[in-house]
Protein backbone atom coordinates (compact mmCIF):
# COMPACT_ATOMS: atom_id res chain seq x y z
CA UNK A 1 99.90 166.17 103.03
CA UNK A 2 96.23 166.78 103.82
CA UNK A 3 95.34 165.92 100.25
CA UNK A 4 97.22 162.61 100.48
CA UNK A 5 95.49 161.76 103.75
CA UNK A 6 92.13 162.57 102.18
CA UNK A 7 92.85 160.36 99.18
CA UNK A 8 93.90 157.51 101.46
CA UNK A 9 90.67 157.88 103.42
CA UNK A 10 88.66 157.76 100.19
CA UNK A 11 90.56 154.66 99.11
CA UNK A 12 89.96 152.94 102.46
CA UNK A 13 86.25 153.67 102.25
CA UNK A 14 85.92 153.11 98.48
CA UNK A 15 84.50 156.55 97.95
CA UNK A 16 85.10 159.32 95.46
CA UNK A 17 87.27 158.15 92.54
CA UNK A 18 87.37 154.64 94.04
CA UNK A 19 83.61 154.21 94.32
CA UNK A 20 83.51 152.22 91.07
CA UNK A 21 85.14 149.33 92.95
CA UNK A 22 81.91 148.86 94.88
CA UNK A 23 80.18 147.52 91.77
CA UNK A 24 81.12 145.02 89.07
CA UNK A 25 82.24 146.49 85.80
CA UNK A 26 84.83 146.07 83.04
CA UNK A 27 87.60 146.17 85.64
CA UNK A 28 86.15 143.12 87.41
CA UNK A 29 85.60 141.20 84.18
CA UNK A 30 89.19 141.97 83.19
CA UNK A 31 90.59 140.65 86.50
CA UNK A 32 88.56 137.43 86.30
CA UNK A 33 89.53 136.94 82.65
CA UNK A 34 93.19 137.52 83.50
CA UNK A 35 93.01 135.03 86.36
CA UNK A 36 91.28 132.44 84.18
CA UNK A 37 93.82 132.91 81.38
CA UNK A 38 96.77 132.57 83.77
CA UNK A 39 95.35 129.38 85.23
CA UNK A 40 94.61 127.95 81.77
CA UNK A 41 98.14 128.77 80.62
CA UNK A 42 99.76 127.00 83.56
CA UNK A 43 97.51 123.94 83.22
CA UNK A 44 98.10 123.54 79.49
CA UNK A 45 101.64 124.82 78.97
CA UNK A 46 103.57 123.61 82.02
CA UNK A 47 104.46 120.28 83.59
CA UNK A 48 104.01 121.10 87.27
CA UNK A 49 106.10 119.93 90.20
CA UNK A 50 107.09 116.45 91.31
CA UNK A 51 103.62 116.18 92.85
CA UNK A 52 102.16 115.49 89.40
CA UNK A 53 104.32 112.40 88.88
CA UNK A 54 103.83 111.33 92.50
CA UNK A 55 100.06 111.51 92.05
CA UNK A 56 100.33 109.55 88.81
CA UNK A 57 102.25 106.76 90.54
CA UNK A 58 99.69 106.69 93.37
CA UNK A 59 96.80 106.58 90.90
CA UNK A 60 98.47 103.78 88.96
CA UNK A 61 98.84 101.77 92.17
CA UNK A 62 95.12 102.22 92.93
CA UNK A 63 94.17 101.07 89.43
CA UNK A 64 96.48 98.07 89.65
CA UNK A 65 95.92 96.90 93.24
CA UNK A 66 92.74 98.57 94.43
CA UNK A 67 92.64 101.18 97.17
CA UNK A 68 93.57 98.88 100.05
CA UNK A 69 96.35 97.28 98.03
CA UNK A 70 97.71 100.69 97.09
CA UNK A 71 97.72 101.82 100.73
CA UNK A 72 99.67 98.69 101.62
CA UNK A 73 102.12 98.94 98.73
CA UNK A 74 102.68 102.71 98.89
CA UNK A 75 102.99 103.97 102.49
CA UNK A 76 103.41 107.52 101.16
CA UNK A 77 99.87 107.41 99.74
CA UNK A 78 98.50 109.60 102.52
CA UNK A 79 95.41 110.98 100.76
CA UNK A 80 91.89 110.00 101.88
CA UNK A 81 90.00 107.36 99.87
CA UNK A 82 87.84 109.77 97.83
CA UNK A 83 90.85 111.76 96.67
CA UNK A 84 92.89 108.64 95.81
CA UNK A 85 90.05 106.99 93.88
CA UNK A 86 89.11 110.20 92.07
CA UNK A 87 92.64 110.74 90.81
CA UNK A 88 92.84 107.10 89.70
CA UNK A 89 89.76 107.80 87.55
CA UNK A 90 91.54 110.82 86.07
CA UNK A 91 94.48 108.58 85.16
CA UNK A 92 92.11 106.07 83.54
CA UNK A 93 90.52 108.93 81.59
CA UNK A 94 93.96 110.13 80.53
CA UNK A 95 94.91 106.69 79.23
CA UNK A 96 91.62 106.23 77.38
CA UNK A 97 91.59 109.68 75.75
CA UNK A 98 95.26 110.46 75.33
CA UNK A 99 94.89 113.72 77.24
CA UNK A 100 97.91 114.46 79.46
CA UNK A 101 97.38 113.39 83.05
CA UNK A 102 98.92 116.66 84.20
CA UNK A 103 96.10 118.56 82.47
CA UNK A 104 93.34 116.42 83.95
CA UNK A 105 94.82 116.55 87.46
CA UNK A 106 95.24 120.31 87.62
CA UNK A 107 92.33 121.66 85.57
CA UNK A 108 89.56 120.80 88.10
CA UNK A 109 91.58 122.26 90.98
CA UNK A 110 92.29 125.44 89.03
CA UNK A 111 88.58 125.77 88.20
CA UNK A 112 87.59 125.28 91.85
CA UNK A 113 90.15 127.87 92.89
CA UNK A 114 88.77 130.44 90.46
CA UNK A 115 85.30 129.62 91.75
CA UNK A 116 86.56 130.54 95.22
CA UNK A 117 86.69 134.15 94.05
CA UNK A 118 82.92 134.02 93.53
CA UNK A 119 82.43 132.38 96.91
CA UNK A 120 84.09 135.47 98.38
CA UNK A 121 81.28 137.46 96.78
CA UNK A 122 78.77 135.33 98.66
CA UNK A 123 80.70 135.52 101.93
CA UNK A 124 80.97 139.31 101.70
CA UNK A 125 77.51 139.90 100.29
CA UNK A 126 76.85 142.88 102.61
CA UNK A 127 80.28 144.46 102.23
CA UNK A 128 81.25 147.20 99.75
CA UNK A 129 84.58 145.37 99.39
CA UNK A 130 83.06 142.21 97.95
CA UNK A 131 83.81 142.85 94.27
CA UNK A 132 87.34 144.08 94.91
CA UNK A 133 88.08 141.08 97.14
CA UNK A 134 86.82 138.66 94.51
CA UNK A 135 88.77 140.37 91.75
CA UNK A 136 91.99 140.40 93.76
CA UNK A 137 91.67 136.72 94.56
CA UNK A 138 91.10 135.91 90.89
CA UNK A 139 94.60 137.23 90.13
CA UNK A 140 96.27 136.21 93.39
CA UNK A 141 99.71 134.81 92.43
CA UNK A 142 99.83 132.20 95.21
CA UNK A 143 96.35 130.94 94.35
CA UNK A 144 97.16 130.76 90.65
CA UNK A 145 100.50 128.97 91.04
CA UNK A 146 99.34 126.44 93.60
CA UNK A 147 96.05 125.57 91.89
CA UNK A 148 97.08 125.55 88.23
CA UNK A 149 100.78 124.72 88.31
CA UNK A 150 101.79 122.82 91.42
CA UNK A 151 99.76 119.64 90.92
CA UNK A 152 97.98 118.84 94.17
CA UNK A 153 94.51 119.12 95.64
CA UNK A 154 95.17 121.67 98.40
CA UNK A 155 93.42 124.61 96.72
CA UNK A 156 90.14 122.71 96.92
CA UNK A 157 90.37 122.86 100.73
CA UNK A 158 89.97 126.63 100.61
CA UNK A 159 86.88 126.23 98.40
CA UNK A 160 85.09 124.04 100.94
CA UNK A 161 86.22 126.15 103.89
CA UNK A 162 84.74 129.18 102.15
CA UNK A 163 81.46 127.27 101.83
CA UNK A 164 81.70 126.48 105.54
CA UNK A 165 82.37 130.12 106.40
CA UNK A 166 79.43 131.31 104.28
CA UNK A 167 77.09 128.92 106.09
CA UNK A 168 78.51 129.92 109.49
CA UNK A 169 78.01 133.64 108.84
CA UNK A 170 74.43 132.90 107.77
CA UNK A 171 73.81 130.96 110.98
CA UNK A 172 73.63 127.49 109.44
CA UNK A 173 75.68 125.12 111.63
CA UNK A 174 74.70 121.90 109.84
CA UNK A 175 75.72 123.20 106.42
CA UNK A 176 78.90 124.70 107.81
CA UNK A 177 79.93 121.43 109.42
CA UNK A 178 78.95 119.45 106.33
CA UNK A 179 81.22 121.60 104.15
CA UNK A 180 84.14 120.91 106.48
CA UNK A 181 83.24 117.22 106.37
CA UNK A 182 83.43 117.19 102.58
CA UNK A 183 86.82 118.91 102.71
CA UNK A 184 88.03 115.99 104.82
CA UNK A 185 87.28 113.67 101.91
CA UNK A 186 90.16 115.35 100.08
CA UNK A 187 92.66 116.22 102.80
CA UNK A 188 92.68 116.74 106.55
CA UNK A 189 93.67 120.42 107.06
CA UNK A 190 89.99 121.37 107.38
CA UNK A 191 90.40 120.06 110.95
CA UNK A 192 92.56 123.12 111.66
CA UNK A 193 89.61 125.37 110.79
CA UNK A 194 86.94 123.35 112.59
CA UNK A 195 87.47 124.79 116.12
CA UNK A 196 87.07 128.37 114.84
CA UNK A 197 83.97 127.47 112.83
CA UNK A 198 82.38 125.55 115.70
CA UNK A 199 83.03 128.28 118.27
CA UNK A 200 81.80 130.98 115.91
CA UNK A 201 78.26 129.90 116.76
CA UNK A 202 77.17 131.52 120.06
CA UNK A 203 74.99 128.64 121.30
CA UNK A 204 76.38 125.29 122.36
CA UNK A 205 73.53 123.53 120.57
CA UNK A 206 74.68 125.00 117.25
CA UNK A 207 78.31 124.30 118.06
CA UNK A 208 77.48 120.66 118.68
CA UNK A 209 75.45 120.50 115.46
CA UNK A 210 78.35 121.91 113.44
CA UNK A 211 80.88 119.48 114.91
CA UNK A 212 78.58 116.47 114.55
CA UNK A 213 77.72 117.36 110.94
CA UNK A 214 81.41 117.60 110.10
CA UNK A 215 82.10 114.21 111.65
CA UNK A 216 79.06 112.50 110.14
CA UNK A 217 79.72 113.73 106.61
CA UNK A 218 83.43 113.00 106.83
CA UNK A 219 83.05 109.44 108.08
CA UNK A 220 80.83 108.45 105.15
CA UNK A 221 83.81 108.56 102.82
CA UNK A 222 85.97 106.50 105.16
CA UNK A 223 83.50 103.73 106.05
CA UNK A 224 84.51 101.24 103.30
CA UNK A 225 88.20 101.39 104.23
CA UNK A 226 87.36 101.38 107.94
CA UNK A 227 85.50 98.12 107.36
CA UNK A 228 88.40 96.62 105.39
CA UNK A 229 91.44 97.68 107.40
CA UNK A 230 91.12 100.55 109.89
CA UNK A 231 94.74 100.18 110.98
CA UNK A 232 95.94 100.66 107.43
CA UNK A 233 93.78 103.76 107.01
CA UNK A 234 95.09 105.19 110.27
CA UNK A 235 98.72 104.54 109.36
CA UNK A 236 98.56 106.06 105.90
CA UNK A 237 96.10 108.92 106.35
CA UNK A 238 95.39 109.90 109.94
CA UNK A 239 98.87 109.33 111.36
CA UNK A 240 100.57 111.28 108.59
CA UNK A 241 102.33 114.29 110.13
CA UNK A 242 103.83 115.90 107.08
CA UNK A 243 107.48 115.92 106.12
CA UNK A 244 110.42 118.18 106.85
CA UNK A 245 111.45 118.95 103.28
CA UNK A 246 114.78 120.35 102.15
CA UNK A 247 117.05 120.42 99.13
CA UNK A 248 119.59 117.68 98.57
CA UNK A 249 122.17 119.99 100.14
CA UNK A 250 120.06 120.34 103.27
CA UNK A 251 118.47 123.74 102.60
CA UNK A 252 115.02 123.65 104.28
CA UNK A 253 112.15 124.85 102.12
CA UNK A 254 110.41 126.49 105.10
CA UNK A 255 110.20 126.61 108.86
CA UNK A 256 111.49 128.66 111.77
CA UNK A 257 114.43 126.39 112.53
CA UNK A 258 115.73 126.96 109.03
CA UNK A 259 116.98 130.38 110.03
CA UNK A 260 116.90 130.25 113.85
CA UNK A 261 119.42 127.41 114.15
CA UNK A 262 122.13 129.14 112.09
CA UNK A 263 121.77 132.16 114.40
CA UNK A 264 122.54 129.94 117.39
CA UNK A 265 124.99 127.65 115.63
CA UNK A 266 127.75 128.16 118.15
CA UNK A 267 130.65 125.92 118.96
CA UNK A 268 131.31 124.23 122.26
CA UNK A 269 128.96 123.25 125.01
CA UNK A 270 125.95 125.15 123.62
CA UNK A 271 125.76 123.07 120.43
CA UNK A 272 124.16 119.99 122.12
CA UNK A 273 121.48 122.16 123.74
CA UNK A 274 120.66 123.80 120.42
CA UNK A 275 120.37 120.43 118.72
CA UNK A 276 118.21 119.10 121.54
CA UNK A 277 115.93 122.13 121.19
CA UNK A 278 115.58 121.46 117.46
CA UNK A 279 114.75 117.79 118.05
CA UNK A 280 112.16 118.70 120.68
CA UNK A 281 110.51 121.23 118.35
CA UNK A 282 110.30 118.64 115.60
CA UNK A 283 108.97 115.98 117.97
CA UNK A 284 106.25 118.18 119.47
CA UNK A 285 105.46 120.08 116.29
CA UNK A 286 101.78 119.15 116.46
CA UNK A 287 101.38 120.54 119.97
CA UNK A 288 103.30 123.70 119.06
CA UNK A 289 100.74 124.33 116.31
CA UNK A 290 97.49 123.08 117.86
CA UNK A 291 97.67 124.99 121.15
CA UNK A 292 97.74 128.47 119.54
CA UNK A 293 95.08 127.43 117.02
CA UNK A 294 92.71 126.38 119.81
CA UNK A 295 93.57 129.58 121.67
CA UNK A 296 92.70 131.71 118.64
CA UNK A 297 89.44 129.86 118.14
CA UNK A 298 88.42 130.40 121.77
CA UNK A 299 89.67 133.97 122.24
CA UNK A 300 88.07 135.18 119.00
CA UNK A 301 84.82 133.27 119.38
CA UNK A 302 82.84 136.49 119.80
CA UNK A 303 84.15 138.09 116.60
CA UNK A 304 81.16 138.41 114.31
CA UNK A 305 80.59 138.64 110.58
CA UNK A 306 82.59 137.54 107.57
CA UNK A 307 85.61 139.67 108.42
CA UNK A 308 85.67 138.51 112.03
CA UNK A 309 85.52 134.82 111.09
CA UNK A 310 87.86 135.28 108.13
CA UNK A 311 90.52 136.90 110.29
CA UNK A 312 90.22 134.06 112.81
CA UNK A 313 90.68 131.43 110.11
CA UNK A 314 93.62 133.30 108.56
CA UNK A 315 95.22 133.55 112.01
CA UNK A 316 94.70 129.84 112.73
CA UNK A 317 96.49 128.80 109.55
CA UNK A 318 99.20 131.40 110.08
CA UNK A 319 100.22 129.40 113.15
CA UNK A 320 100.99 126.43 110.91
CA UNK A 321 102.92 128.59 108.46
CA UNK A 322 104.90 130.32 111.17
CA UNK A 323 105.69 127.53 113.61
CA UNK A 324 105.55 124.17 111.86
CA UNK A 325 108.59 122.52 110.38
CA UNK A 326 106.44 119.88 108.65
CA UNK A 327 105.42 121.98 105.70
CA UNK A 328 105.02 121.88 101.93
CA UNK A 329 104.58 124.71 99.42
CA UNK A 330 100.95 123.92 98.63
CA UNK A 331 99.86 124.34 102.24
CA UNK A 332 99.63 128.09 101.62
CA UNK A 333 96.58 127.40 99.45
CA UNK A 334 94.51 126.26 102.43
CA UNK A 335 93.85 129.78 103.67
CA UNK A 336 94.78 132.19 100.87
CA UNK A 337 91.20 133.50 100.37
CA UNK A 338 90.95 134.41 104.05
CA UNK A 339 94.04 136.62 103.84
CA UNK A 340 91.81 139.18 102.15
CA UNK A 341 89.69 139.35 105.32
CA UNK A 342 92.55 139.67 107.81
CA UNK A 343 93.30 143.34 107.22
CA UNK A 344 95.04 145.33 104.52
CA UNK A 345 98.52 145.08 106.05
CA UNK A 346 98.10 141.38 106.81
CA UNK A 347 96.93 140.67 103.26
CA UNK A 348 99.66 142.76 101.64
CA UNK A 349 102.47 141.26 103.71
CA UNK A 350 101.36 137.66 103.26
CA UNK A 351 100.69 138.10 99.55
CA UNK A 352 103.88 139.95 98.62
CA UNK A 353 106.24 137.72 100.59
CA UNK A 354 104.73 134.36 99.68
CA UNK A 355 104.27 135.35 96.03
CA UNK A 356 107.89 136.46 95.80
CA UNK A 357 109.07 133.26 97.44
CA UNK A 358 106.94 130.82 95.47
CA UNK A 359 107.35 132.46 92.09
CA UNK A 360 111.04 133.14 92.65
CA UNK A 361 111.72 129.53 93.66
CA UNK A 362 109.55 127.95 90.99
CA UNK A 363 110.95 130.10 88.19
CA UNK A 364 114.52 129.45 89.38
CA UNK A 365 113.97 125.69 89.64
CA UNK A 366 112.28 125.57 86.22
CA UNK A 367 114.78 127.92 84.61
CA UNK A 368 111.94 129.83 82.95
CA UNK A 369 109.99 132.94 84.04
CA UNK A 370 106.79 131.44 82.59
CA UNK A 371 107.37 128.14 84.46
CA UNK A 372 107.56 126.17 81.21
CA UNK A 373 110.77 124.34 82.07
CA UNK A 374 111.19 121.01 83.79
CA UNK A 375 110.75 121.06 87.56
CA UNK A 376 114.30 120.23 88.66
CA UNK A 377 114.26 120.68 92.42
CA UNK A 378 116.85 117.92 92.94
CA UNK A 379 119.17 119.63 90.48
CA UNK A 380 119.16 122.85 92.53
CA UNK A 381 120.65 121.83 95.90
CA UNK A 382 122.26 125.17 96.79
CA UNK A 383 119.93 128.13 96.97
CA UNK A 384 120.94 131.70 96.16
CA UNK A 385 121.09 134.11 99.07
CA UNK A 386 118.18 136.23 97.85
CA UNK A 387 115.86 133.21 97.83
CA UNK A 388 116.82 132.19 101.37
CA UNK A 389 116.27 135.79 102.47
CA UNK A 390 112.77 135.90 100.97
CA UNK A 391 111.93 132.51 102.51
CA UNK A 392 113.05 133.69 105.93
CA UNK A 393 111.12 136.95 105.60
CA UNK A 394 107.93 135.02 104.78
CA UNK A 395 108.35 132.71 107.77
CA UNK A 396 109.14 135.63 110.09
CA UNK A 397 106.01 137.40 108.83
CA UNK A 398 103.75 134.50 109.80
CA UNK A 399 105.53 134.05 113.13
CA UNK A 400 105.14 137.76 113.86
CA UNK A 401 101.47 138.06 112.94
CA UNK A 402 100.73 134.96 115.02
CA UNK A 403 102.33 136.47 118.12
CA UNK A 404 100.78 139.90 117.53
CA UNK A 405 97.30 138.58 116.75
CA UNK A 406 97.37 136.20 119.72
CA UNK A 407 98.40 139.03 122.04
CA UNK A 408 95.65 141.29 120.72
CA UNK A 409 93.03 138.57 120.96
CA UNK A 410 94.03 137.75 124.54
CA UNK A 411 94.08 141.40 125.58
CA UNK A 412 90.65 142.01 124.08
CA UNK A 413 89.18 138.83 125.60
CA UNK A 414 90.56 139.61 129.07
CA UNK A 415 89.51 143.26 129.02
CA UNK A 416 86.97 143.94 131.79
CA UNK A 417 83.43 144.45 130.55
CA UNK A 418 82.32 148.13 130.67
């Protein structure tokens, strides 16, 4: 027993037989090569989800009608101008070269995601865990599937948030805010990380600089559309709240109500109250998520270093994963690199449960363990019990860590000074 405890201590401290993990070596090269090969395989050998065809239709609308015309004709085009125009260029390149659009859409995102592993090296430059963290992210199943297979831009958000975190840890508020601003050119979830990044800086002058830099850089990409039709931009992009997605048989893909409501699905007078509770949760979903995120950002504002900030960011996004009903698979990519900084148990739980859920669902829907089959989500309306169980376990995990982390942060913040 003592020997096991000693070996665990050595593993925790990367000493003894585990000391090689403190430095790059063949093991690190092998992990990066494996991650690159897996991403390349998924980009080149699979079709991706419905998001690939949805993006193609959006890009075709931009090419045919211009950006403003596409926003008017396609209300579901909820991506910011830079993202929409960039993907339309990829479609034009596909048509001029004959290269599959699915390749061109996913390859840059997969490359950015693999580059995020090396950003972890920069973020953890003073930590003995830096090489192991980077290697683990290179082969992270959620990162690989969502960047190289799924067919959306969400993995790039994590790349820019890592840049923002690196700048914040180095005491550079303008660069940190600018990185968040660039992320807002692609999608808006960087706003969920902005309070934590702003409050990470001890001085209000730096906090203001970070926030202003984020806003100034972000607005540059929106100015042309703001000049043309600000109402249209607001309706399509800024007012978009996400969707409550489910199978054609009504099986929700995620969310607390997906398993809480069946527990309280009782007959009689209680049924109307349960339904009213569900409607209220859906209606005030944004408040349910934003209040704990702001609380985390404030309560953990004194947490220093890469691990302190990384845990705060992981906790902020966990609120969305645990308590929002307006959710899509690719949202997990927003914060996956920061799971490595949230603690060993946090990282292991999030990784194992979400990997099992995503891979299990995707392989089942495709009918192929290598994800080579056609994405037939509509053709799979009734989910097997094991898949629902894994989904529920993943949601419960994020709900639980949110409550536990919020309690710990509040207790620490309210503890009297010695």
